[in-house]
Amino acid sequence: MDQDTAEATARPSARDRLLDAADELFSRDGIARTSVDQVLHHAHVAPATLYAHFGGKDGLIAAALQRRLDRWEQVWKEAVDAAAPAEKLLALFDAVSAYRDRYTPGRGCAFLATSIELPDLDHPARAVIEAESTLLLTRLNQLAETVTTEDPAALAGNVLLVYDGAMANLQRGRTPDPLGHGKALARCLIQNAIETEQ
């Protein structure tokens, strides 16, 4: 295989380059401040390519967010699978760190940021935002049921509240280790739930 063929094989497809560019620019600069031209320039593709794959900026936003959700769900699952039984509910915080190490870190939660930037309920990205919320609630409830039978939904809701706070602190950039702090707070909630049940 010659060098040109190897480089062509290693280079991501135009679709993936568009998704990579959108993910990076939307996370860094925000959706409203990122123009289609900026995405095209960053991805090194022609406008026709974007419209052929995504139909326009709204379709690109939804597709980039869906890819992020798919990746996030997998990274979180891996973190849960790797965690000790008593730590599986806390794996949420480890998963965020793992995701940020593996993919575009972003300024905080891309799903919350997108929901704020795109209040239109008919925007195609809204379905992805709802899917992420459903994933959080469903998985946290399932994991909380392995910790307590007293009120797992309340424990899951409290852990979610701490998680949202940790993600907001990532956005603010003020706390040195918001994920570690969030995990410690969630561990206290879990311990309290266990003690209440005994």
N, C-alpha and C. Protein backbone atom coordinates (compact mmCIF):
# COMPACT_ATOMS: atom_id res chain seq x y z
N MET A 1 0.85 -1.19 0.00
CA MET A 1 0.00 0.00 0.00
C MET A 1 0.89 1.24 0.00
N ASP A 2 0.68 2.16 -0.98
CA ASP A 2 1.51 3.36 -1.02
C ASP A 2 1.01 4.39 -0.02
N GLN A 3 1.77 5.48 0.16
CA GLN A 3 1.46 6.46 1.20
C GLN A 3 0.13 7.16 0.93
N ASP A 4 -0.15 7.51 -0.35
CA ASP A 4 -1.41 8.19 -0.67
C ASP A 4 -2.60 7.31 -0.33
N THR A 5 -2.51 6.02 -0.65
CA THR A 5 -3.61 5.10 -0.36
C THR A 5 -3.80 4.96 1.15
N ALA A 6 -2.69 4.86 1.90
CA ALA A 6 -2.77 4.74 3.36
C ALA A 6 -3.41 5.98 3.98
N GLU A 7 -3.05 7.16 3.48
CA GLU A 7 -3.62 8.40 4.02
C GLU A 7 -5.10 8.49 3.70
N ALA A 8 -5.48 8.09 2.48
CA ALA A 8 -6.89 8.12 2.09
C ALA A 8 -7.71 7.16 2.94
N THR A 9 -7.11 6.00 3.25
CA THR A 9 -7.81 5.01 4.07
C THR A 9 -7.97 5.51 5.50
N ALA A 10 -6.96 6.20 6.03
CA ALA A 10 -6.99 6.64 7.41
C ALA A 10 -7.87 7.88 7.61
N ARG A 11 -8.09 8.65 6.57
CA ARG A 11 -8.86 9.89 6.70
C ARG A 11 -10.35 9.57 6.90
N PRO A 12 -10.98 10.23 7.88
CA PRO A 12 -12.41 10.00 8.09
C PRO A 12 -13.23 10.41 6.86
N SER A 13 -14.40 9.83 6.73
CA SER A 13 -15.29 10.19 5.63
C SER A 13 -15.73 11.64 5.77
N ALA A 14 -16.27 12.20 4.69
CA ALA A 14 -16.76 13.58 4.73
C ALA A 14 -17.86 13.73 5.79
N ARG A 15 -18.71 12.73 5.90
CA ARG A 15 -19.79 12.76 6.91
C ARG A 15 -19.20 12.82 8.32
N ASP A 16 -18.22 11.97 8.58
CA ASP A 16 -17.60 11.97 9.91
C ASP A 16 -16.85 13.26 10.18
N ARG A 17 -16.21 13.82 9.16
CA ARG A 17 -15.51 15.09 9.35
C ARG A 17 -16.50 16.21 9.69
N LEU A 18 -17.65 16.18 9.07
CA LEU A 18 -18.69 17.17 9.38
C LEU A 18 -19.17 17.00 10.83
N LEU A 19 -19.40 15.76 11.23
CA LEU A 19 -19.85 15.51 12.60
C LEU A 19 -18.78 15.89 13.61
N ASP A 20 -17.51 15.58 13.29
CA ASP A 20 -16.42 15.97 14.19
C ASP A 20 -16.33 17.48 14.31
N ALA A 21 -16.42 18.17 13.18
CA ALA A 21 -16.33 19.62 13.19
C ALA A 21 -17.49 20.23 13.97
N ALA A 22 -18.69 19.73 13.72
CA ALA A 22 -19.87 20.24 14.43
C ALA A 22 -19.74 20.01 15.93
N ASP A 23 -19.32 18.82 16.31
CA ASP A 23 -19.19 18.50 17.73
C ASP A 23 -18.19 19.44 18.40
N GLU A 24 -17.06 19.63 17.76
CA GLU A 24 -16.02 20.49 18.34
C GLU A 24 -16.47 21.94 18.41
N LEU A 25 -16.99 22.46 17.30
CA LEU A 25 -17.34 23.88 17.25
C LEU A 25 -18.57 24.21 18.08
N PHE A 26 -19.59 23.35 18.02
CA PHE A 26 -20.79 23.59 18.82
C PHE A 26 -20.45 23.54 20.31
N SER A 27 -19.60 22.59 20.70
CA SER A 27 -19.22 22.47 22.11
C SER A 27 -18.39 23.66 22.57
N ARG A 28 -17.50 24.11 21.71
CA ARG A 28 -16.59 25.19 22.08
C ARG A 28 -17.23 26.57 22.01
N ASP A 29 -17.95 26.82 20.90
CA ASP A 29 -18.45 28.17 20.64
C ASP A 29 -19.96 28.33 20.78
N GLY A 30 -20.67 27.22 20.86
CA GLY A 30 -22.13 27.28 20.89
C GLY A 30 -22.71 27.12 19.50
N ILE A 31 -23.95 26.68 19.45
CA ILE A 31 -24.60 26.41 18.16
C ILE A 31 -24.90 27.71 17.41
N ALA A 32 -25.47 28.67 18.10
CA ALA A 32 -25.88 29.92 17.44
C ALA A 32 -24.69 30.68 16.87
N ARG A 33 -23.56 30.63 17.57
CA ARG A 33 -22.38 31.38 17.14
C ARG A 33 -21.58 30.65 16.06
N THR A 34 -21.92 29.40 15.80
CA THR A 34 -21.19 28.63 14.80
C THR A 34 -21.97 28.61 13.49
N SER A 35 -21.38 29.17 12.47
CA SER A 35 -22.05 29.21 11.17
C SER A 35 -21.79 27.93 10.38
N VAL A 36 -22.62 27.70 9.40
CA VAL A 36 -22.42 26.56 8.50
C VAL A 36 -21.06 26.68 7.81
N ASP A 37 -20.71 27.91 7.41
CA ASP A 37 -19.43 28.11 6.73
C ASP A 37 -18.25 27.71 7.62
N GLN A 38 -18.35 28.00 8.91
CA GLN A 38 -17.28 27.60 9.83
C GLN A 38 -17.16 26.08 9.91
N VAL A 39 -18.28 25.40 9.95
CA VAL A 39 -18.27 23.93 10.01
C VAL A 39 -17.67 23.38 8.72
N LEU A 40 -18.09 23.92 7.59
CA LEU A 40 -17.58 23.45 6.30
C LEU A 40 -16.07 23.66 6.19
N HIS A 41 -15.62 24.83 6.62
CA HIS A 41 -14.19 25.13 6.57
C HIS A 41 -13.41 24.17 7.47
N HIS A 42 -13.91 23.95 8.66
CA HIS A 42 -13.24 23.08 9.63
C HIS A 42 -13.20 21.63 9.15
N ALA A 43 -14.27 21.21 8.46
CA ALA A 43 -14.37 19.82 7.99
C ALA A 43 -13.72 19.61 6.62
N HIS A 44 -13.42 20.71 5.93
CA HIS A 44 -12.84 20.65 4.58
C HIS A 44 -13.78 19.92 3.61
N VAL A 45 -15.04 20.35 3.62
CA VAL A 45 -16.01 19.78 2.68
C VAL A 45 -16.81 20.90 2.02
N ALA A 46 -17.44 20.58 0.92
CA ALA A 46 -18.24 21.54 0.16
C ALA A 46 -19.65 21.61 0.76
N PRO A 47 -20.35 22.73 0.55
CA PRO A 47 -21.71 22.86 1.07
C PRO A 47 -22.63 21.73 0.61
N ALA A 48 -22.48 21.31 -0.63
CA ALA A 48 -23.36 20.25 -1.15
C ALA A 48 -23.24 18.97 -0.34
N THR A 49 -22.06 18.71 0.19
CA THR A 49 -21.85 17.50 0.98
C THR A 49 -22.66 17.55 2.27
N LEU A 50 -22.63 18.71 2.92
CA LEU A 50 -23.41 18.86 4.15
C LEU A 50 -24.90 18.67 3.87
N TYR A 51 -25.39 19.32 2.83
CA TYR A 51 -26.81 19.23 2.54
C TYR A 51 -27.22 17.83 2.07
N ALA A 52 -26.32 17.15 1.39
CA ALA A 52 -26.61 15.78 0.95
C ALA A 52 -26.73 14.83 2.14
N HIS A 53 -25.89 15.02 3.14
CA HIS A 53 -25.90 14.11 4.30
C HIS A 53 -26.92 14.50 5.36
N PHE A 54 -27.11 15.81 5.58
CA PHE A 54 -27.90 16.24 6.74
C PHE A 54 -29.06 17.17 6.40
N GLY A 55 -29.14 17.64 5.17
CA GLY A 55 -30.24 18.50 4.78
C GLY A 55 -30.09 19.95 5.22
N GLY A 56 -29.11 20.25 6.05
CA GLY A 56 -28.90 21.62 6.54
C GLY A 56 -28.35 21.60 7.95
N LYS A 57 -28.23 22.78 8.53
CA LYS A 57 -27.63 22.91 9.86
C LYS A 57 -28.44 22.19 10.93
N ASP A 58 -29.78 22.28 10.87
CA ASP A 58 -30.60 21.62 11.88
C ASP A 58 -30.39 20.11 11.88
N GLY A 59 -30.32 19.53 10.71
CA GLY A 59 -30.08 18.09 10.61
C GLY A 59 -28.70 17.71 11.12
N LEU A 60 -27.72 18.58 10.86
CA LEU A 60 -26.37 18.34 11.35
C LEU A 60 -26.32 18.41 12.88
N ILE A 61 -27.01 19.37 13.45
CA ILE A 61 -27.07 19.50 14.91
C ILE A 61 -27.64 18.23 15.52
N ALA A 62 -28.75 17.77 14.98
CA ALA A 62 -29.40 16.57 15.51
C ALA A 62 -28.51 15.34 15.36
N ALA A 63 -27.85 15.21 14.22
CA ALA A 63 -26.99 14.05 13.97
C ALA A 63 -25.77 14.06 14.87
N ALA A 64 -25.17 15.24 15.07
CA ALA A 64 -24.00 15.35 15.94
C ALA A 64 -24.39 15.02 17.39
N LEU A 65 -25.56 15.48 17.80
CA LEU A 65 -26.02 15.20 19.16
C LEU A 65 -26.36 13.72 19.32
N GLN A 66 -26.93 13.11 18.29
CA GLN A 66 -27.25 11.68 18.35
C GLN A 66 -25.97 10.85 18.45
N ARG A 67 -24.96 11.23 17.70
CA ARG A 67 -23.69 10.50 17.79
C ARG A 67 -23.10 10.64 19.19
N ARG A 68 -23.20 11.83 19.74
CA ARG A 68 -22.71 12.05 21.11
C ARG A 68 -23.48 11.18 22.09
N LEU A 69 -24.79 11.09 21.92
CA LEU A 69 -25.60 10.26 22.81
C LEU A 69 -25.21 8.78 22.69
N ASP A 70 -25.03 8.31 21.47
CA ASP A 70 -24.63 6.91 21.26
C ASP A 70 -23.29 6.62 21.94
N ARG A 71 -22.36 7.53 21.77
CA ARG A 71 -21.04 7.36 22.39
C ARG A 71 -21.14 7.41 23.91
N TRP A 72 -21.91 8.38 24.41
CA TRP A 72 -22.08 8.55 25.85
C TRP A 72 -22.71 7.31 26.47
N GLU A 73 -23.74 6.79 25.83
CA GLU A 73 -24.41 5.60 26.36
C GLU A 73 -23.43 4.43 26.46
N GLN A 74 -22.58 4.26 25.46
CA GLN A 74 -21.62 3.17 25.46
C GLN A 74 -20.54 3.36 26.52
N VAL A 75 -20.02 4.57 26.64
CA VAL A 75 -18.98 4.85 27.64
C VAL A 75 -19.53 4.65 29.05
N TRP A 76 -20.75 5.09 29.28
CA TRP A 76 -21.38 4.92 30.60
C TRP A 76 -21.59 3.44 30.90
N LYS A 77 -22.04 2.69 29.90
CA LYS A 77 -22.23 1.24 30.09
C LYS A 77 -20.91 0.56 30.44
N GLU A 78 -19.85 0.94 29.76
CA GLU A 78 -18.53 0.37 30.04
C GLU A 78 -18.11 0.69 31.47
N ALA A 79 -18.38 1.91 31.92
CA ALA A 79 -18.01 2.30 33.28
C ALA A 79 -18.81 1.52 34.31
N VAL A 80 -20.09 1.31 34.04
CA VAL A 80 -20.93 0.52 34.95
C VAL A 80 -20.43 -0.92 35.00
N ASP A 81 -20.15 -1.48 33.83
CA ASP A 81 -19.69 -2.87 33.77
C ASP A 81 -18.36 -3.07 34.50
N ALA A 82 -17.51 -2.06 34.47
CA ALA A 82 -16.19 -2.16 35.10
C ALA A 82 -16.22 -1.89 36.60
N ALA A 83 -17.29 -1.28 37.09
CA ALA A 83 -17.36 -0.88 38.49
C ALA A 83 -17.70 -2.06 39.39
N ALA A 84 -17.21 -1.99 40.62
CA ALA A 84 -17.60 -2.95 41.64
C ALA A 84 -19.10 -2.80 41.91
N PRO A 85 -19.76 -3.85 42.40
CA PRO A 85 -21.22 -3.77 42.63
C PRO A 85 -21.66 -2.54 43.42
N ALA A 86 -20.92 -2.21 44.46
CA ALA A 86 -21.30 -1.07 45.29
C ALA A 86 -21.04 0.28 44.63
N GLU A 87 -20.30 0.28 43.51
CA GLU A 87 -19.92 1.53 42.86
C GLU A 87 -20.65 1.78 41.55
N LYS A 88 -21.54 0.88 41.15
CA LYS A 88 -22.16 0.99 39.82
C LYS A 88 -23.00 2.26 39.66
N LEU A 89 -23.70 2.67 40.70
CA LEU A 89 -24.48 3.90 40.62
C LEU A 89 -23.58 5.13 40.50
N LEU A 90 -22.38 5.03 41.10
CA LEU A 90 -21.42 6.14 41.04
C LEU A 90 -20.64 6.18 39.73
N ALA A 91 -20.75 5.12 38.93
CA ALA A 91 -20.00 5.04 37.67
C ALA A 91 -20.38 6.16 36.70
N LEU A 92 -21.51 6.78 36.92
CA LEU A 92 -21.93 7.91 36.10
C LEU A 92 -20.84 8.98 36.05
N PHE A 93 -20.25 9.28 37.19
CA PHE A 93 -19.23 10.33 37.26
C PHE A 93 -17.93 9.89 36.60
N ASP A 94 -17.58 8.62 36.78
CA ASP A 94 -16.39 8.08 36.11
C ASP A 94 -16.59 8.09 34.59
N ALA A 95 -17.82 7.83 34.16
CA ALA A 95 -18.11 7.79 32.73
C ALA A 95 -17.92 9.16 32.09
N VAL A 96 -18.30 10.22 32.79
CA VAL A 96 -18.10 11.56 32.24
C VAL A 96 -16.62 11.82 32.02
N SER A 97 -15.80 11.47 33.01
CA SER A 97 -14.35 11.65 32.88
C SER A 97 -13.81 10.84 31.71
N ALA A 98 -14.27 9.59 31.59
CA ALA A 98 -13.81 8.73 30.50
C ALA A 98 -14.24 9.29 29.15
N TYR A 99 -15.46 9.81 29.07
CA TYR A 99 -15.95 10.40 27.82
C TYR A 99 -15.11 11.61 27.44
N ARG A 100 -14.83 12.45 28.41
CA ARG A 100 -14.06 13.67 28.14
C ARG A 100 -12.63 13.35 27.72
N ASP A 101 -12.09 12.25 28.23
CA ASP A 101 -10.75 11.83 27.81
C ASP A 101 -10.76 11.26 26.39
N ARG A 102 -11.84 10.60 26.02
CA ARG A 102 -11.90 9.89 24.74
C ARG A 102 -12.39 10.77 23.60
N TYR A 103 -13.33 11.69 23.90
CA TYR A 103 -13.95 12.49 22.85
C TYR A 103 -13.83 13.98 23.18
N THR A 104 -14.52 14.81 22.39
CA THR A 104 -14.51 16.26 22.61
C THR A 104 -15.05 16.57 24.00
N PRO A 105 -14.25 17.20 24.86
CA PRO A 105 -14.69 17.44 26.23
C PRO A 105 -15.93 18.34 26.34
N GLY A 106 -15.96 19.43 25.60
CA GLY A 106 -17.08 20.37 25.74
C GLY A 106 -16.95 21.20 27.01
N ARG A 107 -17.90 22.09 27.19
CA ARG A 107 -17.86 23.01 28.33
C ARG A 107 -18.70 22.51 29.50
N GLY A 108 -19.52 21.53 29.25
CA GLY A 108 -20.43 21.00 30.26
C GLY A 108 -21.27 19.93 29.60
N CYS A 109 -22.56 19.94 29.87
CA CYS A 109 -23.45 18.96 29.26
C CYS A 109 -23.96 19.48 27.91
N ALA A 110 -23.60 18.80 26.84
CA ALA A 110 -24.02 19.23 25.50
C ALA A 110 -25.53 19.18 25.33
N PHE A 111 -26.19 18.26 26.02
CA PHE A 111 -27.63 18.11 25.89
C PHE A 111 -28.37 19.26 26.57
N LEU A 112 -27.91 19.63 27.76
CA LEU A 112 -28.51 20.79 28.43
C LEU A 112 -28.22 22.07 27.66
N ALA A 113 -26.98 22.22 27.18
CA ALA A 113 -26.63 23.41 26.42
C ALA A 113 -27.47 23.54 25.16
N THR A 114 -27.67 22.42 24.48
CA THR A 114 -28.46 22.44 23.25
C THR A 114 -29.91 22.77 23.55
N SER A 115 -30.45 22.23 24.65
CA SER A 115 -31.85 22.51 24.98
C SER A 115 -32.06 23.99 25.28
N ILE A 116 -31.04 24.64 25.83
CA ILE A 116 -31.13 26.08 26.10
C ILE A 116 -31.03 26.88 24.81
N GLU A 117 -30.11 26.46 23.94
CA GLU A 117 -29.92 27.20 22.68
C GLU A 117 -31.05 26.98 21.69
N LEU A 118 -31.72 25.84 21.78
CA LEU A 118 -32.77 25.50 20.82
C LEU A 118 -34.09 25.24 21.55
N PRO A 119 -34.76 26.31 21.97
CA PRO A 119 -36.00 26.12 22.73
C PRO A 119 -37.18 25.63 21.87
N ASP A 120 -37.05 25.69 20.55
CA ASP A 120 -38.12 25.25 19.66
C ASP A 120 -38.36 23.75 19.84
N LEU A 121 -39.55 23.38 20.29
CA LEU A 121 -39.86 21.98 20.56
C LEU A 121 -39.95 21.14 19.30
N ASP A 122 -40.04 21.79 18.15
CA ASP A 122 -40.12 21.05 16.89
C ASP A 122 -38.75 20.84 16.24
N HIS A 123 -37.70 21.35 16.85
CA HIS A 123 -36.37 21.17 16.29
C HIS A 123 -36.01 19.68 16.33
N PRO A 124 -35.38 19.14 15.28
CA PRO A 124 -35.07 17.71 15.27
C PRO A 124 -34.14 17.26 16.39
N ALA A 125 -33.38 18.17 16.98
CA ALA A 125 -32.50 17.79 18.10
C ALA A 125 -33.27 17.54 19.39
N ARG A 126 -34.50 18.03 19.47
CA ARG A 126 -35.27 17.87 20.72
C ARG A 126 -35.50 16.40 21.05
N ALA A 127 -35.70 15.58 20.03
CA ALA A 127 -35.91 14.15 20.28
C ALA A 127 -34.67 13.51 20.89
N VAL A 128 -33.51 13.97 20.49
CA VAL A 128 -32.26 13.43 21.04
C VAL A 128 -32.09 13.89 22.49
N ILE A 129 -32.44 15.13 22.75
CA ILE A 129 -32.36 15.65 24.12
C ILE A 129 -33.28 14.85 25.04
N GLU A 130 -34.48 14.56 24.56
CA GLU A 130 -35.42 13.75 25.35
C GLU A 130 -34.90 12.34 25.56
N ALA A 131 -34.27 11.78 24.53
CA ALA A 131 -33.72 10.43 24.64
C ALA A 131 -32.61 10.38 25.69
N GLU A 132 -31.80 11.44 25.77
CA GLU A 132 -30.73 11.48 26.77
C GLU A 132 -31.31 11.57 28.17
N SER A 133 -32.37 12.37 28.33
CA SER A 133 -33.03 12.49 29.64
C SER A 133 -33.62 11.15 30.06
N THR A 134 -34.23 10.46 29.11
CA THR A 134 -34.82 9.15 29.39
C THR A 134 -33.74 8.15 29.78
N LEU A 135 -32.62 8.17 29.07
CA LEU A 135 -31.51 7.28 29.40
C LEU A 135 -31.02 7.52 30.82
N LEU A 136 -30.82 8.78 31.18
CA LEU A 136 -30.35 9.11 32.53
C LEU A 136 -31.32 8.58 33.59
N LEU A 137 -32.58 8.89 33.44
CA LEU A 137 -33.57 8.48 34.45
C LEU A 137 -33.72 6.98 34.51
N THR A 138 -33.80 6.33 33.37
CA THR A 138 -34.00 4.88 33.34
C THR A 138 -32.82 4.14 33.94
N ARG A 139 -31.62 4.47 33.49
CA ARG A 139 -30.45 3.74 33.97
C ARG A 139 -30.18 4.04 35.45
N LEU A 140 -30.33 5.28 35.86
CA LEU A 140 -30.11 5.60 37.27
C LEU A 140 -31.13 4.89 38.17
N ASN A 141 -32.37 4.83 37.72
CA ASN A 141 -33.39 4.10 38.49
C ASN A 141 -33.05 2.62 38.59
N GLN A 142 -32.62 2.02 37.50
CA GLN A 142 -32.24 0.61 37.52
C GLN A 142 -31.08 0.36 38.47
N LEU A 143 -30.09 1.23 38.43
CA LEU A 143 -28.92 1.07 39.31
C LEU A 143 -29.28 1.35 40.76
N ALA A 144 -30.17 2.30 41.00
CA ALA A 144 -30.59 2.59 42.37
C ALA A 144 -31.34 1.42 42.99
N GLU A 145 -32.04 0.67 42.16
CA GLU A 145 -32.78 -0.50 42.66
C GLU A 145 -31.84 -1.58 43.19
N THR A 146 -30.59 -1.57 42.77
CA THR A 146 -29.62 -2.54 43.29
C THR A 146 -29.05 -2.09 44.63
N VAL A 147 -29.31 -0.85 44.99
CA VAL A 147 -28.77 -0.28 46.23
C VAL A 147 -29.81 -0.30 47.34
N THR A 148 -31.05 0.06 46.99
CA THR A 148 -32.09 0.18 48.00
C THR A 148 -33.45 -0.25 47.44
N THR A 149 -34.26 -0.80 48.30
CA THR A 149 -35.64 -1.11 47.91
C THR A 149 -36.61 -0.12 48.55
N GLU A 150 -36.08 0.72 49.43
CA GLU A 150 -36.91 1.68 50.17
C GLU A 150 -37.54 2.71 49.22
N ASP A 151 -36.73 3.43 48.49
CA ASP A 151 -37.22 4.42 47.54
C ASP A 151 -36.15 4.67 46.48
N PRO A 152 -35.94 3.70 45.58
CA PRO A 152 -34.87 3.85 44.58
C PRO A 152 -35.06 5.06 43.66
N ALA A 153 -36.32 5.40 43.38
CA ALA A 153 -36.56 6.55 42.49
C ALA A 153 -36.07 7.85 43.13
N ALA A 154 -36.25 7.97 44.45
CA ALA A 154 -35.77 9.17 45.14
C ALA A 154 -34.25 9.23 45.13
N LEU A 155 -33.61 8.08 45.36
CA LEU A 155 -32.15 8.04 45.33
C LEU A 155 -31.64 8.39 43.93
N ALA A 156 -32.25 7.81 42.91
CA ALA A 156 -31.85 8.11 41.53
C ALA A 156 -32.02 9.59 41.23
N GLY A 157 -33.14 10.17 41.68
CA GLY A 157 -33.38 11.60 41.46
C GLY A 157 -32.35 12.47 42.15
N ASN A 158 -31.95 12.08 43.35
CA ASN A 158 -30.95 12.85 44.08
C ASN A 158 -29.57 12.75 43.42
N VAL A 159 -29.22 11.56 42.96
CA VAL A 159 -27.94 11.39 42.26
C VAL A 159 -27.96 12.21 40.97
N LEU A 160 -29.10 12.21 40.28
CA LEU A 160 -29.22 13.01 39.05
C LEU A 160 -29.06 14.50 39.34
N LEU A 161 -29.61 14.95 40.45
CA LEU A 161 -29.47 16.36 40.83
C LEU A 161 -28.01 16.71 41.09
N VAL A 162 -27.28 15.82 41.76
CA VAL A 162 -25.85 16.05 42.01
C VAL A 162 -25.08 16.04 40.69
N TYR A 163 -25.44 15.11 39.81
CA TYR A 163 -24.79 15.02 38.49
C TYR A 163 -25.00 16.32 37.71
N ASP A 164 -26.24 16.81 37.68
CA ASP A 164 -26.52 18.06 36.97
C ASP A 164 -25.71 19.21 37.55
N GLY A 165 -25.56 19.23 38.87
CA GLY A 165 -24.75 20.26 39.51
C GLY A 165 -23.27 20.16 39.12
N ALA A 166 -22.78 18.92 39.06
CA ALA A 166 -21.38 18.72 38.66
C ALA A 166 -21.16 19.18 37.22
N MET A 167 -22.12 18.88 36.35
CA MET A 167 -22.00 19.29 34.95
C MET A 167 -22.08 20.81 34.82
N ALA A 168 -22.92 21.44 35.63
CA ALA A 168 -22.99 22.90 35.62
C ALA A 168 -21.67 23.51 36.09
N ASN A 169 -21.04 22.87 37.07
CA ASN A 169 -19.75 23.37 37.54
C ASN A 169 -18.65 23.19 36.51
N LEU A 170 -18.75 22.14 35.70
CA LEU A 170 -17.82 22.01 34.58
C LEU A 170 -17.98 23.20 33.64
N GLN A 171 -19.23 23.59 33.41
CA GLN A 171 -19.53 24.73 32.53
C GLN A 171 -18.93 26.02 33.10
N ARG A 172 -19.08 26.20 34.40
CA ARG A 172 -18.58 27.42 35.04
C ARG A 172 -17.06 27.42 35.12
N GLY A 173 -16.47 26.25 35.26
CA GLY A 173 -15.02 26.15 35.35
C GLY A 173 -14.45 26.67 36.66
N ARG A 174 -15.27 26.72 37.71
CA ARG A 174 -14.82 27.29 38.97
C ARG A 174 -14.29 26.25 39.95
N THR A 175 -14.91 25.08 39.97
CA THR A 175 -14.53 24.05 40.92
C THR A 175 -13.39 23.22 40.34
N PRO A 176 -12.32 22.98 41.10
CA PRO A 176 -11.19 22.23 40.55
C PRO A 176 -11.57 20.83 40.07
N ASP A 177 -12.44 20.11 40.80
CA ASP A 177 -12.79 18.75 40.44
C ASP A 177 -14.27 18.51 40.67
N PRO A 178 -15.14 19.10 39.83
CA PRO A 178 -16.58 18.95 40.08
C PRO A 178 -17.06 17.50 39.99
N LEU A 179 -16.45 16.69 39.13
CA LEU A 179 -16.89 15.30 39.00
C LEU A 179 -16.51 14.50 40.24
N GLY A 180 -15.30 14.71 40.75
CA GLY A 180 -14.89 14.03 41.98
C GLY A 180 -15.73 14.47 43.16
N HIS A 181 -16.03 15.77 43.23
CA HIS A 181 -16.86 16.29 44.31
C HIS A 181 -18.27 15.73 44.20
N GLY A 182 -18.80 15.70 42.98
CA GLY A 182 -20.13 15.14 42.76
C GLY A 182 -20.21 13.68 43.15
N LYS A 183 -19.17 12.94 42.80
CA LYS A 183 -19.14 11.51 43.14
C LYS A 183 -19.13 11.32 44.65
N ALA A 184 -18.38 12.16 45.36
CA ALA A 184 -18.32 12.06 46.82
C ALA A 184 -19.68 12.37 47.44
N LEU A 185 -20.37 13.39 46.92
CA LEU A 185 -21.70 13.73 47.42
C LEU A 185 -22.69 12.60 47.14
N ALA A 186 -22.61 12.04 45.94
CA ALA A 186 -23.51 10.93 45.59
C ALA A 186 -23.24 9.72 46.47
N ARG A 187 -21.99 9.48 46.81
CA ARG A 187 -21.66 8.35 47.70
C ARG A 187 -22.33 8.56 49.07
N CYS A 188 -22.35 9.79 49.55
CA CYS A 188 -23.04 10.08 50.82
C CYS A 188 -24.53 9.80 50.71
N LEU A 189 -25.14 10.16 49.59
CA LEU A 189 -26.56 9.89 49.38
C LEU A 189 -26.84 8.40 49.38
N ILE A 190 -25.99 7.64 48.74
CA ILE A 190 -26.16 6.20 48.68
C ILE A 190 -26.01 5.59 50.07
N GLN A 191 -24.99 6.03 50.79
CA GLN A 191 -24.78 5.52 52.15
C GLN A 191 -25.96 5.83 53.05
N ASN A 192 -26.50 7.02 52.91
CA ASN A 192 -27.67 7.41 53.70
C ASN A 192 -28.86 6.54 53.36
N ALA A 193 -29.06 6.25 52.08
CA ALA A 193 -30.18 5.40 51.66
C ALA A 193 -30.04 3.99 52.24
N ILE A 194 -28.82 3.48 52.26
CA ILE A 194 -28.57 2.15 52.80
C ILE A 194 -28.83 2.13 54.30
N GLU A 195 -28.35 3.15 55.00
CA GLU A 195 -28.53 3.22 56.45
C GLU A 195 -29.99 3.39 56.84
N THR A 196 -30.72 4.16 56.04
CA THR A 196 -32.15 4.37 56.31
C THR A 196 -32.92 3.06 56.18
N GLU A 197 -32.49 2.24 55.27
CA GLU A 197 -33.18 0.97 55.01
C GLU A 197 -32.89 -0.07 56.09
N GLN A 198 -31.77 0.05 56.77
CA GLN A 198 -31.38 -0.97 57.76
C GLN A 198 -32.15 -0.83 59.07
